[in-house]
Structure formats: C-alpha cells, structure tokens
Amino acid sequence: IARLADSAEVVVGMPVPNARVFVLDEALRPVPVGV
C-alpha cells in the first residue's frame, strides 16, 4: 500500500503487515535496488 502523500513518484508502496516480499531474477536470486 502506498500513501500518495509520501511519494511524488508513482509507486505501489511498501509491503503490508505480515507480508514478506522478494524481487528476484530468473534464478530466484534477489536483484539490487533499482533493478
């Protein structure tokens, strides 16, 4: 969930409570910030 007031850029926000989120490549490895 994103609070629109918190970002001038269009974002989908930060993970909700009780959720863990991973951004992974095709080998299930975490990608760096911005990738």
PDB file of all heavy atoms in Angstrom:
ATOM      1  N   ILE A   1       0.864  -1.182   0.000  1.00  0.00           N
ATOM      2  CA  ILE A   1       0.000   0.000   0.000  1.00  0.00           C
ATOM      3  C   ILE A   1       0.901   1.233   0.000  1.00  0.00           C
ATOM      4  O   ILE A   1       1.896   1.291   0.735  1.00  0.00           O
ATOM      5  CB  ILE A   1      -0.923   0.037   1.234  1.00  0.00           C
ATOM      6  CG1 ILE A   1      -1.844  -1.181   1.247  1.00  0.00           C
ATOM      7  CG2 ILE A   1      -1.759   1.319   1.242  1.00  0.00           C
ATOM      8  CD1 ILE A   1      -2.746  -1.246   2.473  1.00  0.00           C
ATOM      9  N   ALA A   2       0.542   2.199  -0.816  1.00  0.00           N
ATOM     10  CA  ALA A   2       1.277   3.458  -0.859  1.00  0.00           C
ATOM     11  C   ALA A   2       0.387   4.602  -0.422  1.00  0.00           C
ATOM     12  O   ALA A   2      -0.778   4.670  -0.824  1.00  0.00           O
ATOM     13  CB  ALA A   2       1.790   3.731  -2.273  1.00  0.00           C
ATOM     14  N   ARG A   3       0.920   5.478   0.411  1.00  0.00           N
ATOM     15  CA  ARG A   3       0.255   6.756   0.692  1.00  0.00           C
ATOM     16  C   ARG A   3       0.737   7.738  -0.362  1.00  0.00           C
ATOM     17  O   ARG A   3       1.934   7.996  -0.479  1.00  0.00           O
ATOM     18  CB  ARG A   3       0.629   7.257   2.087  1.00  0.00           C
ATOM     19  CG  ARG A   3       0.094   6.421   3.228  1.00  0.00           C
ATOM     20  CD  ARG A   3       0.543   6.990   4.564  1.00  0.00           C
ATOM     21  NE  ARG A   3       0.160   6.150   5.679  1.00  0.00           N
ATOM     22  CZ  ARG A   3      -0.975   6.285   6.368  1.00  0.00           C
ATOM     23  NH1 ARG A   3      -1.815   7.257   6.051  1.00  0.00           N
ATOM     24  NH2 ARG A   3      -1.262   5.481   7.359  1.00  0.00           N
ATOM     25  N   LEU A   4      -0.188   8.280  -1.114  1.00  0.00           N
ATOM     26  CA  LEU A   4       0.207   9.149  -2.212  1.00  0.00           C
ATOM     27  C   LEU A   4       0.996  10.356  -1.727  1.00  0.00           C
ATOM     28  O   LEU A   4       1.869  10.864  -2.436  1.00  0.00           O
ATOM     29  CB  LEU A   4      -1.034   9.608  -2.999  1.00  0.00           C
ATOM     30  CG  LEU A   4      -1.483   8.680  -4.137  1.00  0.00           C
ATOM     31  CD1 LEU A   4      -1.933   7.324  -3.606  1.00  0.00           C
ATOM     32  CD2 LEU A   4      -2.604   9.313  -4.945  1.00  0.00           C
ATOM     33  N   ALA A   5       0.704  10.804  -0.498  1.00  0.00           N
ATOM     34  CA  ALA A   5       1.395  11.978   0.031  1.00  0.00           C
ATOM     35  C   ALA A   5       2.877  11.720   0.263  1.00  0.00           C
ATOM     36  O   ALA A   5       3.675  12.660   0.332  1.00  0.00           O
ATOM     37  CB  ALA A   5       0.738  12.423   1.335  1.00  0.00           C
ATOM     38  N   ASP A   6       3.272  10.442   0.358  1.00  0.00           N
ATOM     39  CA  ASP A   6       4.654  10.112   0.708  1.00  0.00           C
ATOM     40  C   ASP A   6       5.588  10.044  -0.484  1.00  0.00           C
ATOM     41  O   ASP A   6       6.799   9.901  -0.316  1.00  0.00           O
ATOM     42  CB  ASP A   6       4.692   8.769   1.453  1.00  0.00           C
ATOM     43  CG  ASP A   6       4.023   8.834   2.817  1.00  0.00           C
ATOM     44  OD1 ASP A   6       3.822   9.954   3.316  1.00  0.00           O
ATOM     45  OD2 ASP A   6       3.701   7.760   3.365  1.00  0.00           O
ATOM     46  N   SER A   7       5.051  10.099  -1.713  1.00  0.00           N
ATOM     47  CA  SER A   7       5.922   9.939  -2.880  1.00  0.00           C
ATOM     48  C   SER A   7       5.402  10.751  -4.059  1.00  0.00           C
ATOM     49  O   SER A   7       4.240  10.628  -4.444  1.00  0.00           O
ATOM     50  CB  SER A   7       6.006   8.455  -3.282  1.00  0.00           C
ATOM     51  OG  SER A   7       6.763   8.295  -4.460  1.00  0.00           O
ATOM     52  N   ALA A   8       6.278  11.563  -4.626  1.00  0.00           N
ATOM     53  CA  ALA A   8       5.919  12.289  -5.842  1.00  0.00           C
ATOM     54  C   ALA A   8       5.938  11.356  -7.045  1.00  0.00           C
ATOM     55  O   ALA A   8       5.283  11.619  -8.053  1.00  0.00           O
ATOM     56  CB  ALA A   8       6.888  13.447  -6.060  1.00  0.00           C
ATOM     57  N   GLU A   9       6.678  10.248  -6.939  1.00  0.00           N
ATOM     58  CA  GLU A   9       6.738   9.242  -7.998  1.00  0.00           C
ATOM     59  C   GLU A   9       5.596   8.255  -7.814  1.00  0.00           C
ATOM     60  O   GLU A   9       5.198   7.941  -6.687  1.00  0.00           O
ATOM     61  CB  GLU A   9       8.079   8.498  -7.922  1.00  0.00           C
ATOM     62  CG  GLU A   9       8.240   7.381  -8.926  1.00  0.00           C
ATOM     63  CD  GLU A   9       9.512   6.578  -8.703  1.00  0.00           C
ATOM     64  OE1 GLU A   9      10.171   6.765  -7.659  1.00  0.00           O
ATOM     65  OE2 GLU A   9       9.837   5.745  -9.580  1.00  0.00           O
ATOM     66  N   VAL A  10       5.051   7.752  -8.911  1.00  0.00           N
ATOM     67  CA  VAL A  10       4.010   6.721  -8.823  1.00  0.00           C
ATOM     68  C   VAL A  10       4.645   5.424  -8.346  1.00  0.00           C
ATOM     69  O   VAL A  10       5.521   4.861  -9.010  1.00  0.00           O
ATOM     70  CB  VAL A  10       3.337   6.495 -10.193  1.00  0.00           C
ATOM     71  CG1 VAL A  10       2.328   5.366 -10.095  1.00  0.00           C
ATOM     72  CG2 VAL A  10       2.659   7.767 -10.672  1.00  0.00           C
ATOM     73  N   VAL A  11       4.213   4.954  -7.177  1.00  0.00           N
ATOM     74  CA  VAL A  11       4.724   3.716  -6.591  1.00  0.00           C
ATOM     75  C   VAL A  11       3.548   2.867  -6.139  1.00  0.00           C
ATOM     76  O   VAL A  11       2.429   3.364  -5.985  1.00  0.00           O
ATOM     77  CB  VAL A  11       5.662   3.998  -5.399  1.00  0.00           C
ATOM     78  CG1 VAL A  11       6.899   4.745  -5.828  1.00  0.00           C
ATOM     79  CG2 VAL A  11       4.926   4.755  -4.285  1.00  0.00           C
ATOM     80  N   VAL A  12       3.802   1.577  -5.928  1.00  0.00           N
ATOM     81  CA  VAL A  12       2.759   0.726  -5.362  1.00  0.00           C
ATOM     82  C   VAL A  12       2.958   0.537  -3.864  1.00  0.00           C
ATOM     83  O   VAL A  12       2.141  -0.095  -3.201  1.00  0.00           O
ATOM     84  CB  VAL A  12       2.666  -0.638  -6.083  1.00  0.00           C
ATOM     85  CG1 VAL A  12       2.235  -0.441  -7.514  1.00  0.00           C
ATOM     86  CG2 VAL A  12       3.964  -1.416  -6.006  1.00  0.00           C
ATOM     87  N   GLY A  13       4.035   1.079  -3.330  1.00  0.00           N
ATOM     88  CA  GLY A  13       4.150   1.203  -1.894  1.00  0.00           C
ATOM     89  C   GLY A  13       5.045   0.204  -1.197  1.00  0.00           C
ATOM     90  O   GLY A  13       5.865  -0.474  -1.816  1.00  0.00           O
ATOM     91  N   MET A  14       4.840   0.130   0.112  1.00  0.00           N
ATOM     92  CA  MET A  14       5.619  -0.759   0.970  1.00  0.00           C
ATOM     93  C   MET A  14       4.785  -1.989   1.324  1.00  0.00           C
ATOM     94  O   MET A  14       3.552  -1.929   1.365  1.00  0.00           O
ATOM     95  CB  MET A  14       6.037  -0.033   2.244  1.00  0.00           C
ATOM     96  CG  MET A  14       6.974   1.126   2.011  1.00  0.00           C
ATOM     97  SD  MET A  14       7.503   1.880   3.581  1.00  0.00           S
ATOM     98  CE  MET A  14       8.669   3.098   2.972  1.00  0.00           C
ATOM     99  N   PRO A  15       5.429  -3.119   1.604  1.00  0.00           N
ATOM    100  CA  PRO A  15       4.688  -4.340   1.944  1.00  0.00           C
ATOM    101  C   PRO A  15       3.755  -4.128   3.136  1.00  0.00           C
ATOM    102  O   PRO A  15       4.072  -3.401   4.066  1.00  0.00           O
ATOM    103  CB  PRO A  15       5.797  -5.338   2.264  1.00  0.00           C
ATOM    104  CG  PRO A  15       6.982  -4.855   1.493  1.00  0.00           C
ATOM    105  CD  PRO A  15       6.884  -3.354   1.525  1.00  0.00           C
ATOM    106  N   VAL A  16       2.595  -4.786   3.081  1.00  0.00           N
ATOM    107  CA  VAL A  16       1.619  -4.697   4.165  1.00  0.00           C
ATOM    108  C   VAL A  16       2.108  -5.525   5.342  1.00  0.00           C
ATOM    109  O   VAL A  16       3.020  -6.355   5.211  1.00  0.00           O
ATOM    110  CB  VAL A  16       0.241  -5.203   3.696  1.00  0.00           C
ATOM    111  CG1 VAL A  16      -0.282  -4.352   2.558  1.00  0.00           C
ATOM    112  CG2 VAL A  16       0.304  -6.670   3.286  1.00  0.00           C
ATOM    113  N   PRO A  17       1.527  -5.325   6.546  1.00  0.00           N
ATOM    114  CA  PRO A  17       1.910  -6.141   7.695  1.00  0.00           C
ATOM    115  C   PRO A  17       1.722  -7.635   7.418  1.00  0.00           C
ATOM    116  O   PRO A  17       0.817  -8.039   6.683  1.00  0.00           O
ATOM    117  CB  PRO A  17       0.950  -5.660   8.790  1.00  0.00           C
ATOM    118  CG  PRO A  17       0.586  -4.268   8.400  1.00  0.00           C
ATOM    119  CD  PRO A  17       0.551  -4.274   6.903  1.00  0.00           C
ATOM    120  N   ASN A  18       2.585  -8.440   7.990  1.00  0.00           N
ATOM    121  CA  ASN A  18       2.551  -9.903   7.877  1.00  0.00           C
ATOM    122  C   ASN A  18       2.846 -10.411   6.465  1.00  0.00           C
ATOM    123  O   ASN A  18       2.495 -11.546   6.126  1.00  0.00           O
ATOM    124  CB  ASN A  18       1.202 -10.460   8.342  1.00  0.00           C
ATOM    125  CG  ASN A  18       0.880 -10.086   9.771  1.00  0.00           C
ATOM    126  OD1 ASN A  18       1.735 -10.138  10.645  1.00  0.00           O
ATOM    127  ND2 ASN A  18      -0.361  -9.686  10.009  1.00  0.00           N
ATOM    128  N   ALA A  19       3.469  -9.566   5.641  1.00  0.00           N
ATOM    129  CA  ALA A  19       3.876  -9.990   4.299  1.00  0.00           C
ATOM    130  C   ALA A  19       5.369  -9.792   4.135  1.00  0.00           C
ATOM    131  O   ALA A  19       5.939  -8.815   4.633  1.00  0.00           O
ATOM    132  CB  ALA A  19       3.128  -9.206   3.229  1.00  0.00           C
ATOM    133  N   ARG A  20       5.998 -10.735   3.443  1.00  0.00           N
ATOM    134  CA  ARG A  20       7.391 -10.588   3.042  1.00  0.00           C
ATOM    135  C   ARG A  20       7.434 -10.624   1.521  1.00  0.00           C
ATOM    136  O   ARG A  20       6.802 -11.477   0.896  1.00  0.00           O
ATOM    137  CB  ARG A  20       8.262 -11.697   3.624  1.00  0.00           C
ATOM    138  CG  ARG A  20       8.481 -11.568   5.131  1.00  0.00           C
ATOM    139  CD  ARG A  20       9.499 -12.570   5.613  1.00  0.00           C
ATOM    140  NE  ARG A  20       9.061 -13.941   5.391  1.00  0.00           N
ATOM    141  CZ  ARG A  20       9.865 -14.967   5.135  1.00  0.00           C
ATOM    142  NH1 ARG A  20      11.170 -14.760   5.022  1.00  0.00           N
ATOM    143  NH2 ARG A  20       9.385 -16.176   4.968  1.00  0.00           N
ATOM    144  N   VAL A  21       8.182  -9.705   0.958  1.00  0.00           N
ATOM    145  CA  VAL A  21       8.197  -9.526  -0.488  1.00  0.00           C
ATOM    146  C   VAL A  21       9.627  -9.647  -0.999  1.00  0.00           C
ATOM    147  O   VAL A  21      10.554  -9.075  -0.420  1.00  0.00           O
ATOM    148  CB  VAL A  21       7.606  -8.151  -0.852  1.00  0.00           C
ATOM    149  CG1 VAL A  21       7.810  -7.849  -2.326  1.00  0.00           C
ATOM    150  CG2 VAL A  21       6.121  -8.110  -0.505  1.00  0.00           C
ATOM    151  N   PHE A  22       9.789 -10.406  -2.083  1.00  0.00           N
ATOM    152  CA  PHE A  22      11.097 -10.564  -2.703  1.00  0.00           C
ATOM    153  C   PHE A  22      11.015 -10.160  -4.179  1.00  0.00           C
ATOM    154  O   PHE A  22      10.036 -10.478  -4.849  1.00  0.00           O
ATOM    155  CB  PHE A  22      11.572 -12.019  -2.621  1.00  0.00           C
ATOM    156  CG  PHE A  22      11.584 -12.573  -1.225  1.00  0.00           C
ATOM    157  CD1 PHE A  22      10.580 -13.433  -0.803  1.00  0.00           C
ATOM    158  CD2 PHE A  22      12.582 -12.234  -0.328  1.00  0.00           C
ATOM    159  CE1 PHE A  22      10.582 -13.939   0.487  1.00  0.00           C
ATOM    160  CE2 PHE A  22      12.594 -12.745   0.959  1.00  0.00           C
ATOM    161  CZ  PHE A  22      11.591 -13.600   1.368  1.00  0.00           C
ATOM    162  N   VAL A  23      12.037  -9.468  -4.648  1.00  0.00           N
ATOM    163  CA  VAL A  23      12.163  -9.147  -6.072  1.00  0.00           C
ATOM    164  C   VAL A  23      13.344  -9.961  -6.580  1.00  0.00           C
ATOM    165  O   VAL A  23      14.500  -9.720  -6.201  1.00  0.00           O
ATOM    166  CB  VAL A  23      12.384  -7.644  -6.293  1.00  0.00           C
ATOM    167  CG1 VAL A  23      12.435  -7.345  -7.800  1.00  0.00           C
ATOM    168  CG2 VAL A  23      11.270  -6.835  -5.644  1.00  0.00           C
ATOM    169  N   LEU A  24      13.042 -10.957  -7.447  1.00  0.00           N
ATOM    170  CA  LEU A  24      14.030 -11.967  -7.804  1.00  0.00           C
ATOM    171  C   LEU A  24      14.252 -12.027  -9.308  1.00  0.00           C
ATOM    172  O   LEU A  24      13.374 -11.655 -10.099  1.00  0.00           O
ATOM    173  CB  LEU A  24      13.569 -13.346  -7.313  1.00  0.00           C
ATOM    174  CG  LEU A  24      13.161 -13.450  -5.834  1.00  0.00           C
ATOM    175  CD1 LEU A  24      12.677 -14.872  -5.528  1.00  0.00           C
ATOM    176  CD2 LEU A  24      14.321 -13.072  -4.924  1.00  0.00           C
ATOM    177  N   ASP A  25      15.425 -12.549  -9.692  1.00  0.00           N
ATOM    178  CA  ASP A  25      15.701 -12.781 -11.102  1.00  0.00           C
ATOM    179  C   ASP A  25      15.226 -14.179 -11.484  1.00  0.00           C
ATOM    180  O   ASP A  25      14.590 -14.883 -10.682  1.00  0.00           O
ATOM    181  CB  ASP A  25      17.187 -12.570 -11.418  1.00  0.00           C
ATOM    182  CG  ASP A  25      18.105 -13.564 -10.698  1.00  0.00           C
ATOM    183  OD1 ASP A  25      17.607 -14.604 -10.192  1.00  0.00           O
ATOM    184  OD2 ASP A  25      19.323 -13.314 -10.648  1.00  0.00           O
ATOM    185  N   GLU A  26      15.550 -14.638 -12.699  1.00  0.00           N
ATOM    186  CA  GLU A  26      15.054 -15.928 -13.172  1.00  0.00           C
ATOM    187  C   GLU A  26      15.629 -17.100 -12.390  1.00  0.00           C
ATOM    188  O   GLU A  26      15.054 -18.189 -12.394  1.00  0.00           O
ATOM    189  CB  GLU A  26      15.374 -16.081 -14.656  1.00  0.00           C
ATOM    190  CG  GLU A  26      14.605 -15.102 -15.545  1.00  0.00           C
ATOM    191  CD  GLU A  26      14.928 -15.273 -17.007  1.00  0.00           C
ATOM    192  OE1 GLU A  26      15.848 -16.055 -17.324  1.00  0.00           O
ATOM    193  OE2 GLU A  26      14.266 -14.618 -17.836  1.00  0.00           O
ATOM    194  N   ALA A  27      16.735 -16.896 -11.701  1.00  0.00           N
ATOM    195  CA  ALA A  27      17.346 -17.951 -10.884  1.00  0.00           C
ATOM    196  C   ALA A  27      16.938 -17.833  -9.420  1.00  0.00           C
ATOM    197  O   ALA A  27      17.554 -18.450  -8.552  1.00  0.00           O
ATOM    198  CB  ALA A  27      18.873 -17.902 -11.017  1.00  0.00           C
ATOM    199  N   LEU A  28      15.907 -17.053  -9.141  1.00  0.00           N
ATOM    200  CA  LEU A  28      15.395 -16.815  -7.778  1.00  0.00           C
ATOM    201  C   LEU A  28      16.430 -16.163  -6.883  1.00  0.00           C
ATOM    202  O   LEU A  28      16.491 -16.422  -5.671  1.00  0.00           O
ATOM    203  CB  LEU A  28      14.887 -18.123  -7.149  1.00  0.00           C
ATOM    204  CG  LEU A  28      13.731 -18.831  -7.871  1.00  0.00           C
ATOM    205  CD1 LEU A  28      13.264 -20.041  -7.067  1.00  0.00           C
ATOM    206  CD2 LEU A  28      12.578 -17.874  -8.107  1.00  0.00           C
ATOM    207  N   ARG A  29      17.244 -15.281  -7.464  1.00  0.00           N
ATOM    208  CA  ARG A  29      18.216 -14.514  -6.688  1.00  0.00           C
ATOM    209  C   ARG A  29      17.718 -13.082  -6.543  1.00  0.00           C
ATOM    210  O   ARG A  29      17.204 -12.503  -7.516  1.00  0.00           O
ATOM    211  CB  ARG A  29      19.582 -14.525  -7.373  1.00  0.00           C
ATOM    212  CG  ARG A  29      20.210 -15.899  -7.498  1.00  0.00           C
ATOM    213  CD  ARG A  29      21.447 -15.865  -8.368  1.00  0.00           C
ATOM    214  NE  ARG A  29      21.143 -15.379  -9.718  1.00  0.00           N
ATOM    215  CZ  ARG A  29      21.925 -15.539 -10.772  1.00  0.00           C
ATOM    216  NH1 ARG A  29      23.090 -16.172 -10.637  1.00  0.00           N
ATOM    217  NH2 ARG A  29      21.579 -15.062 -11.947  1.00  0.00           N
ATOM    218  N   PRO A  30      17.854 -12.488  -5.352  1.00  0.00           N
ATOM    219  CA  PRO A  30      17.424 -11.089  -5.174  1.00  0.00           C
ATOM    220  C   PRO A  30      18.190 -10.157  -6.103  1.00  0.00           C
ATOM    221  O   PRO A  30      19.393 -10.317  -6.312  1.00  0.00           O
ATOM    222  CB  PRO A  30      17.769 -10.815  -3.704  1.00  0.00           C
ATOM    223  CG  PRO A  30      17.804 -12.161  -3.048  1.00  0.00           C
ATOM    224  CD  PRO A  30      18.336 -13.093  -4.092  1.00  0.00           C
ATOM    225  N   VAL A  31      17.465  -9.210  -6.688  1.00  0.00           N
ATOM    226  CA  VAL A  31      18.107  -8.236  -7.566  1.00  0.00           C
ATOM    227  C   VAL A  31      18.417  -6.973  -6.762  1.00  0.00           C
ATOM    228  O   VAL A  31      17.793  -6.704  -5.741  1.00  0.00           O
ATOM    229  CB  VAL A  31      17.213  -7.894  -8.775  1.00  0.00           C
ATOM    230  CG1 VAL A  31      16.925  -9.139  -9.596  1.00  0.00           C
ATOM    231  CG2 VAL A  31      15.918  -7.239  -8.323  1.00  0.00           C
ATOM    232  N   PRO A  32      19.390  -6.187  -7.204  1.00  0.00           N
ATOM    233  CA  PRO A  32      19.735  -4.966  -6.463  1.00  0.00           C
ATOM    234  C   PRO A  32      18.619  -3.924  -6.527  1.00  0.00           C
ATOM    235  O   PRO A  32      17.732  -3.969  -7.386  1.00  0.00           O
ATOM    236  CB  PRO A  32      20.991  -4.460  -7.204  1.00  0.00           C
ATOM    237  CG  PRO A  32      21.497  -5.629  -7.975  1.00  0.00           C
ATOM    238  CD  PRO A  32      20.296  -6.438  -8.333  1.00  0.00           C
ATOM    239  N   VAL A  33      18.681  -2.978  -5.611  1.00  0.00           N
ATOM    240  CA  VAL A  33      17.763  -1.840  -5.625  1.00  0.00           C
ATOM    241  C   VAL A  33      17.859  -1.136  -6.968  1.00  0.00           C
ATOM    242  O   VAL A  33      18.962  -0.919  -7.504  1.00  0.00           O
ATOM    243  CB  VAL A  33      18.115  -0.854  -4.483  1.00  0.00           C
ATOM    244  CG1 VAL A  33      17.330   0.444  -4.629  1.00  0.00           C
ATOM    245  CG2 VAL A  33      17.825  -1.494  -3.134  1.00  0.00           C
ATOM    246  N   GLY A  34      16.714  -0.812  -7.555  1.00  0.00           N
ATOM    247  CA  GLY A  34      16.684  -0.113  -8.828  1.00  0.00           C
ATOM    248  C   GLY A  34      16.670  -1.013 -10.045  1.00  0.00           C
ATOM    249  O   GLY A  34      16.521  -0.532 -11.167  1.00  0.00           O
ATOM    250  N   VAL A  35      16.800  -2.330  -9.843  1.00  0.00           N
ATOM    251  CA  VAL A  35      16.807  -3.288 -10.948  1.00  0.00           C
ATOM    252  C   VAL A  35      15.480  -4.035 -10.951  1.00  0.00           C
ATOM    253  O   VAL A  35      15.013  -4.509  -9.912  1.00  0.00           O
ATOM    254  CB  VAL A  35      17.973  -4.282 -10.824  1.00  0.00           C
ATOM    255  CG1 VAL A  35      17.890  -5.346 -11.922  1.00  0.00           C
ATOM    256  CG2 VAL A  35      19.304  -3.552 -10.877  1.00  0.00           C
TER     257      VAL A  35
END
